[in-house]
Protein backbone atom coordinates (compact mmCIF):
# COMPACT_ATOMS: atom_id res chain seq x y z
CA MET A 1 13.32 14.51 -38.32
CA GLU A 2 14.89 17.96 -38.25
CA ARG A 3 13.37 20.92 -36.44
CA TYR A 4 14.23 24.58 -36.99
CA PHE A 5 12.84 27.92 -35.94
CA ILE A 6 12.75 30.88 -38.34
CA HIS A 7 12.69 34.36 -36.84
CA LEU A 8 13.50 37.57 -38.75
CA TYR A 9 17.00 37.04 -40.22
CA GLU A 10 17.73 33.90 -38.23
CA ILE A 11 17.15 30.22 -38.59
CA THR A 12 18.13 28.12 -35.60
CA GLU A 13 18.02 24.41 -34.98
CA GLN A 14 15.63 23.43 -32.20
CA SER A 15 15.72 20.26 -30.15
CA LYS A 16 12.24 20.85 -28.81
CA GLN A 17 9.11 22.79 -29.67
CA VAL A 18 9.53 26.56 -29.45
CA SER A 19 7.12 28.62 -27.41
CA LYS A 20 4.15 29.83 -29.44
CA ALA A 21 4.51 33.30 -27.89
CA LYS A 22 7.72 33.94 -29.77
CA THR A 23 7.32 35.56 -33.20
CA GLY A 24 8.31 33.45 -36.17
CA PHE A 25 7.39 29.91 -37.07
CA SER A 26 8.68 26.37 -36.78
CA LEU A 27 10.14 24.47 -39.71
CA ILE A 28 10.01 20.69 -39.43
CA ILE A 29 11.60 18.53 -42.12
CA LEU A 30 10.76 14.86 -42.53
CA THR A 31 11.83 12.28 -45.07
CA ILE A 32 9.30 10.14 -46.90
CA ASP A 33 10.20 7.22 -44.64
CA GLU A 34 9.15 9.26 -41.59
CA TRP A 35 5.57 9.71 -42.80
CA ASN A 36 4.32 7.59 -39.88
CA LEU A 37 5.41 10.35 -37.47
CA LEU A 38 2.83 12.77 -38.84
CA PRO A 39 -0.19 11.91 -36.62
CA GLY A 40 1.63 12.69 -33.39
CA LEU A 41 3.46 15.64 -34.91
CA LEU A 42 0.31 17.28 -36.22
CA ALA A 43 -1.41 16.74 -32.88
CA SER A 44 1.43 18.47 -31.02
CA GLU A 45 1.76 21.36 -33.48
CA SER A 46 -1.94 22.17 -33.80
CA GLU A 47 -5.03 22.25 -31.65
CA GLU A 48 -7.16 21.09 -34.58
CA ASN A 49 -8.91 17.74 -34.27
CA VAL A 50 -8.24 15.96 -37.55
CA ASP A 51 -8.93 12.35 -38.46
CA PHE A 52 -5.50 11.96 -40.04
CA LYS A 53 -5.78 8.20 -40.52
CA LEU A 54 -8.90 8.49 -42.68
CA TRP A 55 -7.40 11.28 -44.78
CA ASP A 56 -4.10 9.39 -45.11
CA GLU A 57 -5.86 6.30 -46.47
CA ASP A 58 -7.78 8.37 -49.02
CA TYR A 59 -4.64 10.23 -50.09
CA HIS A 60 -2.50 7.13 -50.63
CA SER A 61 -5.35 5.42 -52.44
CA ALA A 62 -5.56 8.33 -54.91
CA VAL A 63 -1.78 8.34 -55.42
CA LYS A 64 -1.75 4.60 -56.03
CA LYS A 65 -4.45 4.90 -58.70
CA SER A 66 -2.77 7.74 -60.56
CA LYS A 67 0.76 6.25 -60.24
CA LYS A 68 2.26 9.75 -60.35
CA ILE A 69 2.57 12.93 -58.32
CA ILE A 70 -0.69 14.90 -58.28
CA PRO A 71 -0.25 18.56 -57.27
CA HIS A 72 -3.18 19.57 -55.09
CA LEU A 73 -4.23 21.49 -52.00
CA ALA A 74 -6.41 19.94 -49.28
CA HIS A 75 -7.98 21.75 -46.33
CA LEU A 76 -7.72 19.30 -43.43
CA ALA A 77 -9.03 21.80 -40.88
CA PRO A 78 -9.67 25.57 -40.72
CA LYS A 79 -6.02 26.20 -39.84
CA MET A 80 -4.38 23.08 -41.23
CA HIS A 81 -3.70 22.53 -44.92
CA PHE A 82 -1.88 19.94 -46.99
CA VAL A 83 -0.12 20.95 -50.21
CA THR A 84 1.59 18.70 -52.76
CA PHE A 85 3.85 20.18 -55.41
CA SER A 86 5.50 18.37 -58.32
CA ASP A 87 9.14 19.38 -58.73
CA ILE A 88 11.42 18.47 -61.64
CA ASP A 89 15.17 17.85 -61.89
CA GLU A 90 17.62 18.59 -64.70
CA LEU A 91 16.86 15.27 -66.39
CA GLY A 92 13.15 16.00 -66.52
CA LYS A 93 12.20 13.53 -63.77
CA GLU A 94 9.38 14.72 -61.53
CA SER A 95 9.23 14.22 -57.77
CA GLY A 96 6.86 15.26 -55.02
CA ILE A 97 7.15 17.93 -52.32
CA HIS A 98 4.60 17.49 -49.52
CA ILE A 99 3.79 20.28 -47.09
CA PHE A 100 1.60 20.47 -44.00
CA LEU A 101 0.83 24.13 -43.36
CA LEU A 102 -0.24 25.28 -39.91
CA THR A 103 -0.58 28.71 -38.32
CA ASN A 104 2.90 28.68 -36.74
CA SER A 105 4.44 25.57 -38.27
CA PHE A 106 5.65 24.44 -41.65
CA ILE A 107 6.13 20.68 -42.05
CA LEU A 108 8.11 19.71 -45.15
CA ILE A 109 8.27 16.12 -46.36
CA ASN A 110 10.97 15.70 -48.98
CA ASN A 111 14.26 13.85 -49.51
CA ASN A 112 15.92 16.72 -51.38
CA LYS A 113 18.68 18.26 -49.22
CA ILE A 114 19.04 21.18 -51.63
CA LEU A 115 15.75 22.65 -50.44
CA MET A 116 17.14 23.12 -46.93
CA SER A 117 20.03 25.23 -48.20
CA LEU A 118 17.55 27.39 -50.11
CA ILE A 119 15.35 27.84 -47.05
CA GLU A 120 18.38 28.87 -44.98
CA ARG A 121 19.29 31.44 -47.60
CA TRP A 122 15.75 32.85 -47.68
CA ALA A 123 15.60 32.99 -43.90
CA LYS A 124 18.90 34.90 -43.63
CA ARG A 125 17.60 37.40 -46.19
CA GLY A 126 14.65 38.10 -43.90
CA ILE A 127 11.95 37.29 -46.46
CA LEU A 128 10.30 34.51 -44.44
CA GLU A 129 7.83 36.23 -42.15
CA ASN A 130 5.35 33.35 -41.96
CA PRO A 131 4.75 29.86 -43.39
CA ILE A 132 2.79 31.32 -46.32
CA ASP A 133 5.90 33.15 -47.53
CA LEU A 134 7.81 29.88 -47.57
CA VAL A 135 5.07 28.21 -49.62
CA TYR A 136 5.23 30.96 -52.23
CA LEU A 137 9.03 30.92 -52.41
CA LEU A 138 9.06 27.15 -52.84
CA SER A 139 6.49 27.56 -55.62
CA LEU A 140 8.69 30.09 -57.40
CA HIS A 141 11.70 27.78 -57.01
CA ILE A 142 9.75 24.90 -58.56
CA LEU A 143 8.77 27.05 -61.53
CA ASP A 144 12.42 28.03 -61.97
CA ASN A 145 13.29 24.33 -62.19
CA TYR A 146 10.67 23.83 -64.88
CA GLN A 147 12.05 26.86 -66.72
CA GLN A 148 15.52 25.28 -66.74
CA VAL A 149 14.05 22.14 -68.29
CA PHE A 150 12.34 24.22 -70.99
CA ASP A 151 15.61 26.03 -71.73
CA ARG A 152 17.32 22.65 -72.17
CA PHE A 153 14.46 21.49 -74.40
CA GLU A 154 14.89 24.58 -76.55
CA ASN A 155 18.62 23.91 -77.04
CA ASP A 156 18.03 20.22 -77.74
CA LEU A 157 15.31 21.00 -80.25
CA PHE A 158 17.60 23.46 -82.04
CA LEU A 159 20.34 20.80 -82.36
CA LEU A 160 17.79 18.22 -83.47
CA GLU A 161 16.54 20.59 -86.12
CA LYS A 162 20.06 20.99 -87.52
CA ASP A 163 20.49 17.21 -87.73
CA ILE A 164 17.13 16.83 -89.48
CA LEU A 165 17.93 19.48 -92.07
CA LEU A 166 21.35 17.99 -92.75
CA SER A 167 20.38 14.33 -92.87
CA PRO A 168 16.95 13.08 -91.71
CA LYS A 169 17.03 9.69 -90.02
CA ALA A 170 14.42 7.30 -88.65
CA ASN A 171 15.42 7.92 -85.02
CA HIS A 172 14.70 11.64 -85.43
CA GLN A 173 10.99 10.90 -85.55
CA THR A 174 11.29 8.92 -82.31
CA ASN A 175 13.11 11.84 -80.67
CA ILE A 176 10.39 14.24 -81.77
CA LEU A 177 7.69 12.01 -80.31
CA ASP A 178 9.63 11.70 -77.04
CA TYR A 179 9.92 15.49 -76.70
CA HIS A 180 6.24 15.88 -77.54
CA GLN A 181 5.27 13.38 -74.84
CA SER A 182 7.54 15.05 -72.28
CA ILE A 183 6.08 18.48 -72.98
CA MET A 184 2.53 17.14 -72.73
CA ASN A 185 3.30 15.54 -69.36
CA ILE A 186 4.83 18.76 -68.07
CA ARG A 187 1.83 20.71 -69.33
CA LYS A 188 -0.46 18.52 -67.24
CA SER A 189 1.69 19.08 -64.15
CA ILE A 190 1.83 22.85 -64.70
CA ASN A 191 -1.94 23.02 -65.13
CA LEU A 192 -2.39 21.20 -61.82
CA LEU A 193 0.19 23.45 -60.15
CA GLN A 194 -1.61 26.51 -61.48
CA SER A 195 -4.81 25.29 -59.85
CA VAL A 196 -2.96 24.90 -56.55
CA PHE A 197 -1.46 28.38 -56.88
CA GLU A 198 -4.90 29.88 -57.48
CA HIS A 199 -6.22 28.34 -54.25
CA MET A 200 -3.18 29.37 -52.23
CA SER A 201 -4.55 32.91 -51.99
CA ASP A 202 -7.27 31.51 -49.72
CA LEU A 203 -4.69 30.45 -47.14
CA SER A 204 -4.01 34.02 -46.02
CA SER A 205 -6.48 36.75 -45.13
CA SER A 206 -4.11 39.46 -46.40
CA ALA A 207 -2.57 39.79 -49.84
CA ASN A 208 0.92 38.29 -50.09
CA LYS A 209 3.54 40.33 -51.92
CA LEU A 210 4.89 37.15 -53.53
CA GLU A 211 1.52 36.19 -55.00
CA LYS A 212 1.89 38.63 -57.91
CA ASP A 213 5.35 37.24 -58.72
CA LEU A 214 3.97 33.71 -58.69
CA ARG A 215 1.12 34.58 -61.04
CA LEU A 216 3.51 36.29 -63.45
CA LYS A 217 5.97 33.39 -63.36
CA THR A 218 3.19 30.87 -63.95
CA SER A 219 1.99 32.83 -66.96
CA GLN A 220 5.54 32.85 -68.38
CA ILE A 221 5.89 29.10 -67.88
CA ILE A 222 2.61 28.45 -69.68
CA ASP A 223 3.79 30.60 -72.60
CA ASN A 224 7.07 28.65 -72.68
CA ILE A 225 5.16 25.38 -72.79
CA GLN A 226 3.22 26.60 -75.81
CA ASN A 227 6.43 27.80 -77.48
CA ASN A 228 8.11 24.42 -76.92
CA HIS A 229 5.03 22.65 -78.24
CA ASP A 230 5.08 24.83 -81.36
CA GLN A 231 8.78 24.06 -81.81
CA VAL A 232 8.08 20.34 -81.73
CA GLU A 233 5.27 20.72 -84.26
CA ASN A 234 7.58 22.73 -86.53
CA LEU A 235 10.23 20.03 -86.15
CA ARG A 236 7.71 17.40 -87.13
CA ASP A 237 6.83 19.40 -90.25
CA ALA A 238 10.53 19.90 -91.04
CA TYR A 239 11.17 16.17 -90.68
CA GLN A 240 8.29 15.28 -93.00
CA THR A 241 9.48 17.88 -95.51
CA ALA A 242 13.05 16.54 -95.34
CA ILE A 243 11.83 12.98 -95.91
CA GLN A 244 9.70 14.10 -98.85
CA ASN A 245 12.64 16.01 -100.33
CA SER A 246 14.83 12.95 -99.96
CA THR A 247 12.23 10.82 -101.74
CA ASN A 248 11.84 13.46 -104.44
CA ASP A 249 15.61 13.52 -104.95
CA ILE A 250 15.65 9.75 -105.45
CA MET A 251 12.79 9.94 -107.97
CA LYS A 252 14.48 12.86 -109.70
CA LEU A 253 17.76 10.97 -110.02
CA LEU A 254 16.01 7.90 -111.41
CA THR A 255 14.12 10.09 -113.89
CA ILE A 256 17.35 11.75 -115.06
CA ILE A 257 19.00 8.35 -115.57
CA ALA A 258 16.00 6.97 -117.44
CA THR A 259 15.68 10.07 -119.61
CA THR A 260 19.40 10.04 -120.39
CA LEU A 261 19.37 6.38 -121.46
CA LEU A 262 16.12 6.61 -123.42
CA PRO A 263 17.71 7.73 -126.75
CA ILE A 264 20.34 5.00 -126.44
CA ASN A 265 17.59 2.42 -125.86
CA LEU A 266 15.81 3.67 -128.98
CA MET A 267 19.00 3.43 -131.01
CA THR A 268 19.72 -0.06 -129.67
CA SER A 269 16.19 -1.17 -130.53
CA PHE A 270 16.51 0.32 -133.99
CA PHE A 271 19.79 -1.38 -134.83
CA GLY A 272 18.57 -4.59 -133.25
CA MET A 273 15.92 -5.09 -135.98
CA ASN A 274 16.66 -7.91 -138.44
CA PHE A 275 16.53 -5.88 -141.66
CA LYS A 276 19.19 -6.31 -144.33
CA ASN A 277 19.65 -2.68 -145.30
CA LEU A 278 20.10 -1.07 -141.90
CA PRO A 279 22.67 1.77 -141.89
CA LEU A 280 26.11 1.14 -140.35
CA VAL A 281 25.42 -2.59 -140.04
CA HIS A 282 28.08 -3.54 -142.60
CA ASN A 283 30.31 -0.54 -141.85
CA SER A 284 33.63 -1.37 -140.15
CA TYR A 285 33.33 1.83 -138.10
CA GLY A 286 29.68 1.23 -137.19
CA MET A 287 30.36 0.31 -133.57
CA ILE A 288 32.55 3.38 -133.06
CA ILE A 289 29.95 5.66 -134.64
CA PHE A 290 27.18 4.15 -132.50
CA TYR A 291 29.02 4.68 -129.21
CA SER A 292 30.14 8.14 -130.27
CA LEU A 293 26.54 9.11 -130.98
CA SER A 294 25.48 7.61 -127.65
CA ILE A 295 28.08 9.58 -125.71
CA LEU A 296 27.19 12.76 -127.62
CA LEU A 297 23.49 12.31 -126.80
CA ILE A 298 24.29 11.77 -123.11
CA VAL A 299 26.44 14.92 -123.01
CA LEU A 300 23.78 16.97 -124.80
CA ILE A 301 21.00 15.74 -122.52
CA LEU A 302 22.98 16.33 -119.32
CA GLY A 303 24.05 19.74 -120.62
CA TYR A 304 20.42 20.64 -121.25
CA PHE A 305 19.45 19.45 -117.75
CA ARG A 306 22.25 21.50 -116.24
CA MET A 307 21.21 24.58 -118.19
CA ARG A 308 17.66 24.19 -116.84
CA ARG A 309 19.09 23.55 -113.35
CA TRP A 310 17.39 20.17 -113.08
CA LEU A 311 20.49 18.41 -111.78
CA ARG A 312 20.38 20.04 -108.34
CA LEU A 313 19.57 17.54 -105.60
CA GLY A 314 19.26 17.78 -101.83
CA THR A 315 17.11 20.91 -101.43
CA LYS A 316 16.73 21.50 -97.70
CA PRO A 317 13.55 22.74 -96.00
CA LYS A 318 13.71 26.13 -94.39
CA SER A 319 14.04 26.32 -90.61
CA ASN A 320 10.87 27.16 -88.66
CA VAL A 321 12.19 26.62 -85.14
């Protein structure tokens, strides 16, 4: 457990609880393995009488059923609140940030050391006046992480589109489905986070200057989710179009070959009849004349196809992403 005290432009490490008379608030950081310290810690930091054991059993039961992080806000007492955020890393893996919010204390339960460096930076900038400010800043940081994931998705989808237009493959469809599933999972998390953000305004009696920024950022993230979803749908259409064009090219090639050989087949069938007076049958140059006519017909047919521009294969679908 780590304990700090944030006051104006300072953040100092504290070995014991700071006097409540001093302006500022306490920051207490626990790891997930130190969850069992919460009952005594909450009792010492707040005068609220909370049946923590009963709430803890209900909370872990809900998490076990869902098997994933569920962003939510719970009011444990009039001046004690529990907030869970879902954060995301560069690889798109989600993790939980748990917060116990009291009047003069902020208890953070997370194994991410990067958050502490961010909090120190915010404290030294003098933008942490109370625990509510820290909640809003953490929320904005989480949305920034989701934005980075969407930016990476956008670049990956652009590269995937180029591969599909050049040469569609079976694994491209799997990649499209994976991106679609990832975006749908993130959409669920963002919707839950948005619900938490809406209820965060109830935690403070006065309007927080960061609340407007959070609402605007959330709206931008939701728009980005829709844009990424549309990109995936356009990729799916492009993939289907590319596959259809590939199939059409194969059928077109087979049709050209069959059409080109059709006159030769007719000539072969004609000269294959067992009549005595067939032309060129008894001519010493008959074979040469036959193959010359065959080659001439092939050249004429292919020339006609080229003039009509029917020999062009590999038409690529236009980009929609």
